[in-house]
C-alpha atoms as a PDB file:
ATOM      1  CA  MET A   1     175.249  94.727 157.423  1.00  0.00           C
ATOM      2  CA  ALA A   2     176.184  91.037 156.935  1.00  0.00           C
ATOM      3  CA  PRO A   3     177.616  91.385 153.392  1.00  0.00           C
ATOM      4  CA  ALA A   4     179.869  94.234 154.549  1.00  0.00           C
ATOM      5  CA  LEU A   5     181.547  91.878 157.060  1.00  0.00           C
ATOM      6  CA  GLY A   6     182.194  89.106 154.563  1.00  0.00           C
ATOM      7  CA  TRP A   7     185.888  89.992 154.378  1.00  0.00           C
ATOM      8  CA  LEU A   8     186.484  89.086 158.023  1.00  0.00           C
ATOM      9  CA  PRO A   9     188.481  85.856 158.563  1.00  0.00           C
ATOM     10  CA  ARG A  10     186.663  82.710 159.659  1.00  0.00           C
ATOM     11  CA  PRO A  11     189.171  80.661 161.617  1.00  0.00           C
ATOM     12  CA  LEU A  12     186.546  78.195 162.876  1.00  0.00           C
ATOM     13  CA  ASP A  13     185.203  77.196 159.434  1.00  0.00           C
ATOM     14  CA  PRO A  14     187.197  73.921 159.439  1.00  0.00           C
ATOM     15  CA  VAL A  15     185.395  72.849 162.626  1.00  0.00           C
ATOM     16  CA  ARG A  16     182.534  70.582 161.465  1.00  0.00           C
ATOM     17  CA  SER A  17     180.393  70.832 164.608  1.00  0.00           C
ATOM     18  CA  ILE A  18     178.606  73.985 165.678  1.00  0.00           C
ATOM     19  CA  LYS A  19     178.790  72.709 169.251  1.00  0.00           C
ATOM     20  CA  ALA A  20     182.563  72.507 168.991  1.00  0.00           C
ATOM     21  CA  LYS A  21     182.637  75.978 167.448  1.00  0.00           C
ATOM     22  CA  LEU A  22     180.622  77.381 170.350  1.00  0.00           C
ATOM     23  CA  SER A  23     182.842  75.565 172.836  1.00  0.00           C
ATOM     24  CA  VAL A  24     186.061  76.787 171.233  1.00  0.00           C
ATOM     25  CA  ALA A  25     184.804  80.329 170.857  1.00  0.00           C
ATOM     26  CA  LEU A  26     183.512  80.595 174.409  1.00  0.00           C
ATOM     27  CA  GLY A  27     186.509  78.733 175.786  1.00  0.00           C
ATOM     28  CA  LEU A  28     188.975  81.015 174.055  1.00  0.00           C
ATOM     29  CA  SER A  29     187.137  84.127 175.085  1.00  0.00           C
ATOM     30  CA  GLY A  30     186.816  82.909 178.666  1.00  0.00           C
ATOM     31  CA  GLY A  31     190.414  81.790 178.745  1.00  0.00           C
ATOM     32  CA  VAL A  32     191.687  85.106 177.462  1.00  0.00           C
ATOM     33  CA  GLY A  33     189.599  86.946 180.009  1.00  0.00           C
ATOM     34  CA  LEU A  34     190.772  84.655 182.790  1.00  0.00           C
ATOM     35  CA  LEU A  35     194.432  85.114 181.830  1.00  0.00           C
ATOM     36  CA  ILE A  36     194.057  88.869 181.767  1.00  0.00           C
ATOM     37  CA  PHE A  37     192.276  88.786 185.121  1.00  0.00           C
ATOM     38  CA  TRP A  38     194.961  86.456 186.499  1.00  0.00           C
ATOM     39  CA  TRP A  39     197.761  88.646 185.259  1.00  0.00           C
ATOM     40  CA  SER A  40     196.187  91.839 186.516  1.00  0.00           C
ATOM     41  CA  LEU A  41     195.819  90.482 190.051  1.00  0.00           C
ATOM     42  CA  ASP A  42     199.232  88.863 190.104  1.00  0.00           C
ATOM     43  CA  PHE A  43     197.752  85.392 190.693  1.00  0.00           C
ATOM     44  CA  MET A  44     200.864  83.615 189.471  1.00  0.00           C
ATOM     45  CA  ARG A  45     201.096  81.747 192.788  1.00  0.00           C
ATOM     46  CA  VAL A  46     197.844  79.872 192.099  1.00  0.00           C
ATOM     47  CA  GLU A  47     198.432  76.184 191.459  1.00  0.00           C
ATOM     48  CA  LEU A  48     198.045  75.132 187.831  1.00  0.00           C
ATOM     49  CA  SER A  49     196.020  72.068 188.852  1.00  0.00           C
ATOM     50  CA  TRP A  50     193.183  74.254 190.065  1.00  0.00           C
ATOM     51  CA  PHE A  51     193.349  76.214 186.838  1.00  0.00           C
ATOM     52  CA  ALA A  52     193.131  72.963 184.830  1.00  0.00           C
ATOM     53  CA  ILE A  53     190.152  71.806 186.889  1.00  0.00           C
ATOM     54  CA  ALA A  54     188.376  75.125 186.272  1.00  0.00           C
ATOM     55  CA  VAL A  55     189.008  74.908 182.533  1.00  0.00           C
ATOM     56  CA  ALA A  56     187.762  71.303 182.405  1.00  0.00           C
ATOM     57  CA  LEU A  57     184.588  72.161 184.293  1.00  0.00           C
ATOM     58  CA  GLY A  58     184.029  75.121 181.984  1.00  0.00           C
ATOM     59  CA  LEU A  59     184.396  72.960 178.890  1.00  0.00           C
ATOM     60  CA  VAL A  60     181.964  70.348 180.260  1.00  0.00           C
ATOM     61  CA  THR A  61     179.466  73.085 181.026  1.00  0.00           C
ATOM     62  CA  LEU A  62     179.850  74.488 177.525  1.00  0.00           C
ATOM     63  CA  GLN A  63     179.339  71.052 175.967  1.00  0.00           C
ATOM     64  CA  VAL A  64     176.153  70.462 177.941  1.00  0.00           C
ATOM     65  CA  ALA A  65     174.808  73.915 177.157  1.00  0.00           C
ATOM     66  CA  ALA A  66     175.713  73.707 173.475  1.00  0.00           C
ATOM     67  CA  HIS A  67     174.131  70.273 173.124  1.00  0.00           C
ATOM     68  CA  GLY A  68     170.597  71.657 173.522  1.00  0.00           C
ATOM     69  CA  ALA A  69     171.270  74.308 170.909  1.00  0.00           C
ATOM     70  CA  THR A  70     172.487  71.850 168.309  1.00  0.00           C
ATOM     71  CA  VAL A  71     169.946  69.045 168.695  1.00  0.00           C
ATOM     72  CA  PRO A  72     167.364  70.730 166.398  1.00  0.00           C
ATOM     73  CA  LEU A  73     170.054  71.123 163.747  1.00  0.00           C
ATOM     74  CA  ARG A  74     170.873  67.426 163.927  1.00  0.00           C
ATOM     75  CA  GLU A  75     167.161  66.559 163.733  1.00  0.00           C
ATOM     76  CA  MET A  76     166.760  68.800 160.688  1.00  0.00           C
ATOM     77  CA  THR A  77     169.697  67.092 159.022  1.00  0.00           C
ATOM     78  CA  ASP A  78     168.184  63.645 159.631  1.00  0.00           C
ATOM     79  CA  ALA A  79     164.743  64.815 158.462  1.00  0.00           C
ATOM     80  CA  ALA A  80     166.199  66.390 155.308  1.00  0.00           C
ATOM     81  CA  GLN A  81     167.978  63.144 154.479  1.00  0.00           C
ATOM     82  CA  ALA A  82     164.703  61.259 155.008  1.00  0.00           C
ATOM     83  CA  MET A  83     162.878  63.713 152.729  1.00  0.00           C
ATOM     84  CA  ALA A  84     165.475  63.089 150.039  1.00  0.00           C
ATOM     85  CA  HIS A  85     164.230  59.471 150.047  1.00  0.00           C
ATOM     86  CA  GLY A  86     160.541  60.464 149.900  1.00  0.00           C
ATOM     87  CA  ASP A  87     159.660  60.425 153.616  1.00  0.00           C
ATOM     88  CA  TYR A  88     157.873  63.702 154.428  1.00  0.00           C
ATOM     89  CA  THR A  89     156.520  62.643 157.830  1.00  0.00           C
ATOM     90  CA  ARG A  90     159.572  63.633 159.882  1.00  0.00           C
ATOM     91  CA  ARG A  91     159.221  66.738 162.042  1.00  0.00           C
ATOM     92  CA  VAL A  92     161.605  68.678 164.281  1.00  0.00           C
ATOM     93  CA  ARG A  93     160.848  69.605 167.883  1.00  0.00           C
ATOM     94  CA  ALA A  94     160.665  73.404 167.850  1.00  0.00           C
ATOM     95  CA  THR A  95     160.552  74.572 171.466  1.00  0.00           C
ATOM     96  CA  SER A  96     163.407  77.046 171.369  1.00  0.00           C
ATOM     97  CA  ARG A  97     162.668  80.748 171.004  1.00  0.00           C
ATOM     98  CA  ASP A  98     165.929  81.711 169.364  1.00  0.00           C
ATOM     99  CA  GLU A  99     166.966  81.669 165.720  1.00  0.00           C
ATOM    100  CA  VAL A 100     167.374  77.887 165.781  1.00  0.00           C
ATOM    101  CA  GLY A 101     163.794  77.529 166.990  1.00  0.00           C
ATOM    102  CA  GLU A 102     162.548  79.794 164.208  1.00  0.00           C
ATOM    103  CA  LEU A 103     164.496  77.726 161.713  1.00  0.00           C
ATOM    104  CA  ALA A 104     162.971  74.538 163.121  1.00  0.00           C
ATOM    105  CA  ARG A 105     159.439  75.922 162.802  1.00  0.00           C
ATOM    106  CA  ALA A 106     160.131  77.052 159.252  1.00  0.00           C
ATOM    107  CA  PHE A 107     161.531  73.606 158.493  1.00  0.00           C
ATOM    108  CA  ASN A 108     158.377  71.917 159.825  1.00  0.00           C
ATOM    109  CA  GLN A 109     156.205  74.194 157.700  1.00  0.00           C
ATOM    110  CA  MET A 110     158.302  73.395 154.651  1.00  0.00           C
ATOM    111  CA  ALA A 111     158.015  69.674 155.356  1.00  0.00           C
ATOM    112  CA  ALA A 112     154.220  69.971 155.646  1.00  0.00           C
ATOM    113  CA  ASP A 113     154.039  71.899 152.361  1.00  0.00           C
ATOM    114  CA  LEU A 114     156.212  69.330 150.609  1.00  0.00           C
ATOM    115  CA  ALA A 115     154.059  66.513 151.969  1.00  0.00           C
ATOM    116  CA  ALA A 116     150.915  68.235 150.687  1.00  0.00           C
ATOM    117  CA  ALA A 117     152.509  68.853 147.289  1.00  0.00           C
ATOM    118  CA  ASP A 118     153.600  65.223 147.064  1.00  0.00           C
ATOM    119  CA  ARG A 119     150.116  64.034 147.981  1.00  0.00           C
ATOM    120  CA  GLN A 120     148.548  66.314 145.349  1.00  0.00           C
ATOM    121  CA  ARG A 121     151.033  65.082 142.756  1.00  0.00           C
ATOM    122  CA  ARG A 122     150.144  61.460 143.477  1.00  0.00           C
ATOM    123  CA  GLU A 123     146.420  62.236 143.357  1.00  0.00           C
ATOM    124  CA  LEU A 124     146.876  64.152 140.103  1.00  0.00           C
ATOM    125  CA  ILE A 125     148.686  61.237 138.470  1.00  0.00           C
ATOM    126  CA  ALA A 126     146.027  58.794 139.646  1.00  0.00           C
ATOM    127  CA  ASN A 127     143.169  61.018 138.483  1.00  0.00           C
ATOM    128  CA  VAL A 128     144.733  61.767 135.107  1.00  0.00           C
ATOM    129  CA  SER A 129     145.371  58.058 134.561  1.00  0.00           C
ATOM    130  CA  HIS A 130     141.750  57.288 135.387  1.00  0.00           C
ATOM    131  CA  GLU A 131     140.389  60.060 133.179  1.00  0.00           C
ATOM    132  CA  LEU A 132     142.548  59.016 130.230  1.00  0.00           C
ATOM    133  CA  ARG A 133     141.796  55.315 130.625  1.00  0.00           C
ATOM    134  CA  THR A 134     138.012  55.731 130.281  1.00  0.00           C
ATOM    135  CA  PRO A 135     137.851  57.296 126.773  1.00  0.00           C
ATOM    136  CA  ILE A 136     140.852  55.298 125.547  1.00  0.00           C
ATOM    137  CA  THR A 137     139.157  52.050 126.596  1.00  0.00           C
ATOM    138  CA  ALA A 138     135.938  53.083 124.877  1.00  0.00           C
ATOM    139  CA  LEU A 139     137.775  54.065 121.695  1.00  0.00           C
ATOM    140  CA  ARG A 140     139.740  50.827 121.680  1.00  0.00           C
ATOM    141  CA  GLY A 141     136.581  48.771 122.058  1.00  0.00           C
ATOM    142  CA  LEU A 142     134.858  50.589 119.195  1.00  0.00           C
ATOM    143  CA  LEU A 143     137.827  50.307 116.864  1.00  0.00           C
ATOM    144  CA  GLU A 144     138.395  46.633 117.684  1.00  0.00           C
ATOM    145  CA  ASN A 145     134.764  45.870 116.878  1.00  0.00           C
ATOM    146  CA  ILE A 146     135.062  47.662 113.545  1.00  0.00           C
ATOM    147  CA  VAL A 147     138.357  45.952 112.655  1.00  0.00           C
ATOM    148  CA  ASP A 148     137.056  42.505 113.646  1.00  0.00           C
ATOM    149  CA  GLY A 149     133.871  43.036 111.637  1.00  0.00           C
ATOM    150  CA  VAL A 150     131.631  42.849 114.688  1.00  0.00           C
ATOM    151  CA  SER A 151     130.147  46.250 113.913  1.00  0.00           C
ATOM    152  CA  GLU A 152     130.081  48.530 110.916  1.00  0.00           C
ATOM    153  CA  ALA A 153     131.529  52.012 110.738  1.00  0.00           C
ATOM    154  CA  GLU A 154     128.081  53.548 110.929  1.00  0.00           C
ATOM    155  CA  PRO A 155     127.536  57.238 111.686  1.00  0.00           C
ATOM    156  CA  GLU A 156     126.296  56.447 115.188  1.00  0.00           C
ATOM    157  CA  THR A 157     129.396  54.396 115.975  1.00  0.00           C
ATOM    158  CA  MET A 158     131.741  57.013 114.568  1.00  0.00           C
ATOM    159  CA  GLN A 159     129.893  59.727 116.487  1.00  0.00           C
ATOM    160  CA  THR A 160     130.575  57.830 119.712  1.00  0.00           C
ATOM    161  CA  ALA A 161     134.243  57.575 118.784  1.00  0.00           C
ATOM    162  CA  LEU A 162     134.306  61.279 117.967  1.00  0.00           C
ATOM    163  CA  THR A 163     132.741  62.097 121.338  1.00  0.00           C
ATOM    164  CA  GLN A 164     135.427  60.132 123.169  1.00  0.00           C
ATOM    165  CA  THR A 165     138.138  61.804 121.085  1.00  0.00           C
ATOM    166  CA  GLU A 166     136.743  65.229 121.905  1.00  0.00           C
ATOM    167  CA  ARG A 167     136.736  64.293 125.577  1.00  0.00           C
ATOM    168  CA  LEU A 168     140.400  63.322 125.329  1.00  0.00           C
ATOM    169  CA  GLY A 169     141.243  66.582 123.586  1.00  0.00           C
ATOM    170  CA  ARG A 170     139.346  68.598 126.171  1.00  0.00           C
ATOM    171  CA  LEU A 171     141.161  66.847 129.007  1.00  0.00           C
ATOM    172  CA  VAL A 172     144.587  67.448 127.456  1.00  0.00           C
ATOM    173  CA  THR A 173     143.766  71.119 126.799  1.00  0.00           C
ATOM    174  CA  GLU A 174     142.582  71.684 130.346  1.00  0.00           C
ATOM    175  CA  LEU A 175     145.624  69.923 131.785  1.00  0.00           C
ATOM    176  CA  LEU A 176     147.895  72.195 129.744  1.00  0.00           C
ATOM    177  CA  ASP A 177     145.956  75.265 130.887  1.00  0.00           C
ATOM    178  CA  LEU A 178     146.168  74.158 134.496  1.00  0.00           C
ATOM    179  CA  SER A 179     149.910  73.513 134.268  1.00  0.00           C
ATOM    180  CA  ARG A 180     150.462  76.969 132.774  1.00  0.00           C
ATOM    181  CA  LEU A 181     148.395  78.560 135.528  1.00  0.00           C
ATOM    182  CA  ASP A 182     150.304  76.641 138.204  1.00  0.00           C
ATOM    183  CA  ALA A 183     153.608  77.747 136.698  1.00  0.00           C
ATOM    184  CA  GLY A 184     152.434  81.362 136.478  1.00  0.00           C
ATOM    185  CA  VAL A 185     153.250  81.593 132.758  1.00  0.00           C
ATOM    186  CA  VAL A 186     149.804  82.761 131.660  1.00  0.00           C
ATOM    187  CA  PRO A 187     150.003  86.541 131.344  1.00  0.00           C
ATOM    188  CA  LEU A 188     146.695  88.363 131.262  1.00  0.00           C
ATOM    189  CA  THR A 189     146.001  90.615 128.297  1.00  0.00           C
ATOM    190  CA  ARG A 190     143.728  93.167 129.914  1.00  0.00           C
ATOM    191  CA  THR A 191     141.425  95.080 127.600  1.00  0.00           C
ATOM    192  CA  PRO A 192     138.119  96.900 128.142  1.00  0.00           C
ATOM    193  CA  ILE A 193     135.203  94.452 127.923  1.00  0.00           C
ATOM    194  CA  ASP A 194     131.611  95.458 127.344  1.00  0.00           C
ATOM    195  CA  VAL A 195     129.789  93.176 129.765  1.00  0.00           C
ATOM    196  CA  ARG A 196     126.492  93.006 127.895  1.00  0.00           C
ATOM    197  CA  ALA A 197     128.047  92.195 124.524  1.00  0.00           C
ATOM    198  CA  PHE A 198     130.498  89.783 126.148  1.00  0.00           C
ATOM    199  CA  LEU A 199     127.795  87.759 127.903  1.00  0.00           C
ATOM    200  CA  ASP A 200     125.664  87.748 124.751  1.00  0.00           C
ATOM    201  CA  ASP A 201     128.567  86.175 122.847  1.00  0.00           C
ATOM    202  CA  VAL A 202     129.128  83.570 125.559  1.00  0.00           C
ATOM    203  CA  VAL A 203     125.440  82.679 125.700  1.00  0.00           C
ATOM    204  CA  ARG A 204     125.219  82.467 121.905  1.00  0.00           C
ATOM    205  CA  GLU A 205     128.097  79.990 121.819  1.00  0.00           C
ATOM    206  CA  ALA A 206     126.666  78.028 124.753  1.00  0.00           C
ATOM    207  CA  THR A 207     123.329  77.739 122.934  1.00  0.00           C
ATOM    208  CA  VAL A 208     125.001  76.247 119.873  1.00  0.00           C
ATOM    209  CA  ASN A 209     127.003  73.800 122.004  1.00  0.00           C
ATOM    210  CA  ALA A 210     123.935  72.757 124.005  1.00  0.00           C
ATOM    211  CA  ASP A 211     121.926  72.129 120.831  1.00  0.00           C
ATOM    212  CA  GLY A 212     124.777  70.094 119.377  1.00  0.00           C
ATOM    213  CA  ALA A 213     124.996  67.994 122.552  1.00  0.00           C
ATOM    214  CA  GLY A 214     121.243  67.402 122.645  1.00  0.00           C
ATOM    215  CA  HIS A 215     120.552  69.486 125.768  1.00  0.00           C
ATOM    216  CA  ASP A 216     117.064  70.974 125.631  1.00  0.00           C
ATOM    217  CA  VAL A 217     117.666  74.136 127.663  1.00  0.00           C
ATOM    218  CA  ARG A 218     116.952  77.828 127.244  1.00  0.00           C
ATOM    219  CA  PHE A 219     119.396  80.604 128.128  1.00  0.00           C
ATOM    220  CA  VAL A 220     118.298  83.938 129.542  1.00  0.00           C
ATOM    221  CA  VAL A 221     120.821  86.758 129.979  1.00  0.00           C
ATOM    222  CA  SER A 222     120.518  90.191 131.524  1.00  0.00           C
ATOM    223  CA  ALA A 223     123.393  92.632 131.997  1.00  0.00           C
ATOM    224  CA  PRO A 224     123.803  96.377 132.515  1.00  0.00           C
ATOM    225  CA  ALA A 225     125.651  98.692 130.156  1.00  0.00           C
ATOM    226  CA  ILE A 226     128.975  98.587 131.978  1.00  0.00           C
ATOM    227  CA  SER A 227     132.582  97.752 131.129  1.00  0.00           C
ATOM    228  CA  ILE A 228     135.313  95.904 132.992  1.00  0.00           C
ATOM    229  CA  GLU A 229     138.996  95.349 132.327  1.00  0.00           C
ATOM    230  CA  GLY A 230     140.240  91.810 131.919  1.00  0.00           C
ATOM    231  CA  ASP A 231     141.506  89.077 129.651  1.00  0.00           C
ATOM    232  CA  ARG A 232     138.594  88.466 127.303  1.00  0.00           C
ATOM    233  CA  GLU A 233     139.725  85.001 126.210  1.00  0.00           C
ATOM    234  CA  ARG A 234     140.284  83.740 129.757  1.00  0.00           C
ATOM    235  CA  LEU A 235     137.027  85.165 131.085  1.00  0.00           C
ATOM    236  CA  HIS A 236     135.211  83.676 128.090  1.00  0.00           C
ATOM    237  CA  GLN A 237     136.680  80.317 129.137  1.00  0.00           C
ATOM    238  CA  VAL A 238     135.304  80.783 132.658  1.00  0.00           C
ATOM    239  CA  PHE A 239     131.711  81.587 131.699  1.00  0.00           C
ATOM    240  CA  ALA A 240     131.637  79.101 128.814  1.00  0.00           C
ATOM    241  CA  ASN A 241     132.519  76.396 131.327  1.00  0.00           C
ATOM    242  CA  LEU A 242     129.888  77.580 133.798  1.00  0.00           C
ATOM    243  CA  LEU A 243     127.183  77.646 131.120  1.00  0.00           C
ATOM    244  CA  ASP A 244     128.214  74.230 129.797  1.00  0.00           C
ATOM    245  CA  ASN A 245     127.944  72.755 133.312  1.00  0.00           C
ATOM    246  CA  ALA A 246     124.575  74.450 133.828  1.00  0.00           C
ATOM    247  CA  ALA A 247     123.228  73.107 130.525  1.00  0.00           C
ATOM    248  CA  ARG A 248     124.378  69.559 131.246  1.00  0.00           C
ATOM    249  CA  HIS A 249     122.779  69.488 134.684  1.00  0.00           C
ATOM    250  CA  SER A 250     119.512  71.227 133.844  1.00  0.00           C
ATOM    251  CA  PRO A 251     116.369  69.146 133.197  1.00  0.00           C
ATOM    252  CA  PRO A 252     114.861  68.981 129.698  1.00  0.00           C
ATOM    253  CA  GLY A 253     113.110  72.248 129.007  1.00  0.00           C
ATOM    254  CA  GLY A 254     114.938  73.980 131.853  1.00  0.00           C
ATOM    255  CA  THR A 255     116.276  77.509 131.894  1.00  0.00           C
ATOM    256  CA  VAL A 256     119.809  78.698 132.529  1.00  0.00           C
ATOM    257  CA  THR A 257     119.905  82.280 133.782  1.00  0.00           C
ATOM    258  CA  VAL A 258     122.875  84.612 133.503  1.00  0.00           C
ATOM    259  CA  ARG A 259     122.448  87.851 135.429  1.00  0.00           C
ATOM    260  CA  ALA A 260     125.030  90.597 135.818  1.00  0.00           C
ATOM    261  CA  GLU A 261     124.653  93.565 138.147  1.00  0.00           C
ATOM    262  CA  ARG A 262     126.837  96.114 139.814  1.00  0.00           C
ATOM    263  CA  HIS A 263     127.674  95.821 143.516  1.00  0.00           C
ATOM    264  CA  HIS A 264     129.658  98.848 144.665  1.00  0.00           C
ATOM    265  CA  ALA A 265     133.171  98.467 143.221  1.00  0.00           C
ATOM    266  CA  HIS A 266     132.544  94.965 141.835  1.00  0.00           C
ATOM    267  CA  LEU A 267     130.582  93.348 139.060  1.00  0.00           C
ATOM    268  CA  LEU A 268     128.504  90.365 140.172  1.00  0.00           C
ATOM    269  CA  VAL A 269     127.653  87.725 137.563  1.00  0.00           C
ATOM    270  CA  ALA A 270     125.231  85.006 138.692  1.00  0.00           C
ATOM    271  CA  VAL A 271     124.818  81.785 136.725  1.00  0.00           C
ATOM    272  CA  ALA A 272     121.828  79.687 137.803  1.00  0.00           C
ATOM    273  CA  ASP A 273     120.386  76.431 136.511  1.00  0.00           C
ATOM    274  CA  GLN A 274     117.392  74.322 137.494  1.00  0.00           C
ATOM    275  CA  GLY A 275     119.176  71.054 138.155  1.00  0.00           C
ATOM    276  CA  GLU A 276     119.590  69.078 141.347  1.00  0.00           C
ATOM    277  CA  GLY A 277     122.011  71.566 142.840  1.00  0.00           C
ATOM    278  CA  ILE A 278     125.221  70.975 144.777  1.00  0.00           C
ATOM    279  CA  PRO A 279     125.105  69.791 148.408  1.00  0.00           C
ATOM    280  CA  GLN A 280     126.384  72.229 150.999  1.00  0.00           C
ATOM    281  CA  ALA A 281     129.287  69.953 151.951  1.00  0.00           C
ATOM    282  CA  ASP A 282     130.561  69.775 148.346  1.00  0.00           C
ATOM    283  CA  ARG A 283     130.370  73.444 147.394  1.00  0.00           C
ATOM    284  CA  ASP A 284     133.977  74.218 148.207  1.00  0.00           C
ATOM    285  CA  ARG A 285     135.318  70.962 146.810  1.00  0.00           C
ATOM    286  CA  VAL A 286     133.800  71.404 143.339  1.00  0.00           C
ATOM    287  CA  PHE A 287     136.563  73.924 142.583  1.00  0.00           C
ATOM    288  CA  GLU A 288     139.262  71.367 143.321  1.00  0.00           C
ATOM    289  CA  ARG A 289     140.877  69.362 140.542  1.00  0.00           C
ATOM    290  CA  PHE A 290     139.014  66.259 139.349  1.00  0.00           C
ATOM    291  CA  THR A 291     136.176  66.836 141.809  1.00  0.00           C
ATOM    292  CA  ARG A 292     132.890  66.008 140.154  1.00  0.00           C
ATOM    293  CA  GLY A 293     130.831  64.577 142.998  1.00  0.00           C
ATOM    294  CA  GLU A 294     128.094  62.326 141.653  1.00  0.00           C
ATOM    295  CA  ARG A 295     128.474  63.570 138.071  1.00  0.00           C
ATOM    296  CA  ALA A 296     131.043  60.982 137.029  1.00  0.00           C
ATOM    297  CA  THR A 297     129.249  60.022 133.808  1.00  0.00           C
ATOM    298  CA  ASP A 298     128.370  63.453 132.438  1.00  0.00           C
ATOM    299  CA  GLY A 299     131.435  63.775 130.209  1.00  0.00           C
ATOM    300  CA  GLY A 300     133.140  66.419 132.290  1.00  0.00           C
ATOM    301  CA  THR A 301     136.805  66.244 133.202  1.00  0.00           C
ATOM    302  CA  GLY A 302     136.618  67.730 136.691  1.00  0.00           C
ATOM    303  CA  LEU A 303     139.108  70.450 135.734  1.00  0.00           C
ATOM    304  CA  GLY A 304     136.905  73.187 134.319  1.00  0.00           C
ATOM    305  CA  LEU A 305     135.892  74.735 137.641  1.00  0.00           C
ATOM    306  CA  ALA A 306     139.458  74.512 138.962  1.00  0.00           C
ATOM    307  CA  ILE A 307     140.638  76.493 135.938  1.00  0.00           C
ATOM    308  CA  ALA A 308     137.747  78.922 136.351  1.00  0.00           C
ATOM    309  CA  ARG A 309     138.753  79.632 139.949  1.00  0.00           C
ATOM    310  CA  TRP A 310     142.374  80.230 138.909  1.00  0.00           C
ATOM    311  CA  VAL A 311     141.344  82.677 136.169  1.00  0.00           C
ATOM    312  CA  VAL A 312     138.951  84.577 138.433  1.00  0.00           C
ATOM    313  CA  GLN A 313     141.603  84.835 141.147  1.00  0.00           C
ATOM    314  CA  LEU A 314     144.102  86.135 138.585  1.00  0.00           C
ATOM    315  CA  HIS A 315     141.569  88.911 137.929  1.00  0.00           C
ATOM    316  CA  ARG A 316     141.435  89.591 141.718  1.00  0.00           C
ATOM    317  CA  GLY A 317     137.874  88.303 141.858  1.00  0.00           C
ATOM    318  CA  THR A 318     135.979  85.528 143.620  1.00  0.00           C
ATOM    319  CA  ILE A 319     133.868  82.559 142.538  1.00  0.00           C
ATOM    320  CA  ALA A 320     131.636  80.521 144.826  1.00  0.00           C
ATOM    321  CA  VAL A 321     128.536  78.339 144.942  1.00  0.00           C
ATOM    322  CA  VAL A 322     125.830  80.084 146.966  1.00  0.00           C
ATOM    323  CA  ASP A 323     122.361  79.217 148.156  1.00  0.00           C
ATOM    324  CA  PRO A 324     119.745  79.655 145.412  1.00  0.00           C
ATOM    325  CA  PRO A 325     116.803  81.945 146.156  1.00  0.00           C
ATOM    326  CA  SER A 326     113.570  80.467 147.395  1.00  0.00           C
ATOM    327  CA  PRO A 327     111.272  79.451 144.513  1.00  0.00           C
ATOM    328  CA  GLY A 328     108.362  81.746 143.914  1.00  0.00           C
ATOM    329  CA  PRO A 329     104.770  80.695 143.332  1.00  0.00           C
ATOM    330  CA  ALA A 330     104.013  79.104 139.984  1.00  0.00           C
ATOM    331  CA  SER A 331     101.454  76.823 138.440  1.00  0.00           C
ATOM    332  CA  GLY A 332     101.286  73.895 136.059  1.00  0.00           C
ATOM    333  CA  ALA A 333     104.466  72.450 134.625  1.00  0.00           C
ATOM    334  CA  ALA A 334     106.490  75.410 135.842  1.00  0.00           C
ATOM    335  CA  VAL A 335     106.043  74.227 139.402  1.00  0.00           C
ATOM    336  CA  GLN A 336     107.961  71.024 138.698  1.00  0.00           C
ATOM    337  CA  VAL A 337     110.863  72.972 137.224  1.00  0.00           C
ATOM    338  CA  ARG A 338     111.037  75.656 139.886  1.00  0.00           C
ATOM    339  CA  SER A 339     110.717  73.161 142.723  1.00  0.00           C
ATOM    340  CA  ARG A 340     114.238  71.935 141.955  1.00  0.00           C
ATOM    341  CA  PRO A 341     116.901  73.523 144.154  1.00  0.00           C
ATOM    342  CA  GLY A 342     119.202  74.352 141.247  1.00  0.00           C
ATOM    343  CA  CYS A 343     122.793  75.552 141.376  1.00  0.00           C
ATOM    344  CA  LEU A 344     123.729  79.206 141.722  1.00  0.00           C
ATOM    345  CA  ILE A 345     127.306  80.356 141.158  1.00  0.00           C
ATOM    346  CA  HIS A 346     128.419  83.923 141.880  1.00  0.00           C
ATOM    347  CA  VAL A 347     131.427  85.432 140.138  1.00  0.00           C
ATOM    348  CA  THR A 348     132.652  88.841 141.304  1.00  0.00           C
ATOM    349  CA  LEU A 349     135.133  90.906 139.313  1.00  0.00           C
ATOM    350  CA  PRO A 350     136.562  94.288 140.297  1.00  0.00           C
ATOM    351  CA  LEU A 351     135.458  97.302 138.298  1.00  0.00           C
ATOM    352  CA  PRO A 352     138.005  99.801 136.975  1.00  0.00           C
ATOM    353  CA  PRO A 353     138.287 102.984 139.068  1.00  0.00           C
ATOM    354  CA  ALA A 354     137.055 105.079 136.150  1.00  0.00           C
ATOM    355  CA  SER A 355     133.623 103.458 136.453  1.00  0.00           C
ATOM    356  CA  PHE A 356     133.147 104.397 140.123  1.00  0.00           C
ATOM    357  CA  PRO A 357     130.366 106.901 140.693  1.00  0.00           C
ATOM    358  CA  THR A 358     131.492 110.420 141.531  1.00  0.00           C
ATOM    359  CA  SER A 359     129.490 111.871 144.379  1.00  0.00           C
END
């Protein structure tokens, strides 16, 4: 309805105060009504002084009444100007129940969101700077020693430099992936995926990577003959990251288990290791950016699980750290391995409707 009335004249647009607009509008309407009432009752004998007093009192009343309606607007103006200079702490008192009150509440919510976004931006810059400084410092030290003749360019030294370079490349790649996900410019190419063959490929690649990194772990995979629809490359990134984390945190000779099973209209994939596990208080935070808990020296970037959560959510699924099952009875060396709490991560992905049982 509002666009259809856009042709109507706006005689009060030059007035720069909404309070003055309300006063003029109500004063004119009241004055017109009073004149008509005066004329209809033949009140021409009334003294003009009384009429002036009535008009003055009416204008004062309108000013007082309009003041309360315009205060939130003035506060929002001041807060917006403060936000333009980086101050996101200003809030507007939102006690009114009219449209101005709704606007004030929406403004406060926007200010809180902007403050959170600014805080995350500052934390991101600080974390990225820290993550980049560590491998760059190590590389610089190695290269300076080689240039100064302190050390030779031996294979072990160059392997250390290569490891730091790979860490830098992995960090840059994950930052680019995360920025694309944040911007929503990562379209999903959904294709049918055979779960058993898919997990076999992921485990095969994880085995090669673990052997190359010197992790003495064994992978065990079990999956039903079922298919899902999703972006194969992105889902491969999710489970490759989960298996890499599990291999790095498992003890020598440990086992990483990947189990997939159907749960009603969802596929549940459980990835379990035999490491120290994740404390209950940190299980939600591990999916935040640059959150690595006590694993600051394991070579991870703290972005892999954040990207994994984004990808799983894009597939309308869930990912979470859950309590591992109670260890069963064992004997010998197996007892030492199974006595560890371990980490268990559940990933659920929706199944296509065509795979639902017909009953």
